[in-house]
């Protein structure tokens, strides 16, 4: 997955509430974390997701090539199909 998909989905600047972002991607997969409200551009993500993951304890670690992302609990993760949600 290319970085341009992230720039089409996320707002261009961090929100004033101290939102953090972390991005990891390769040609097949992209992972990003956002916190806070209004982080996605309007109309960029379809709200009907087919798969989601709720992490209540511990953490989930995902690695793509040499980059690793750790997402601590509690976390709610949505898996987005870029062919269905991108504009």
Foldseek 3Di string as FASTA:
>chain_A
DDCVLVVQWFDPDDDPVPWDKDWDDDPPDIDMDIDDPPGTDPQAFDPDADDKDADAAAWDWDDDDPDIDIGGPRDIGTDGDNVPRGD
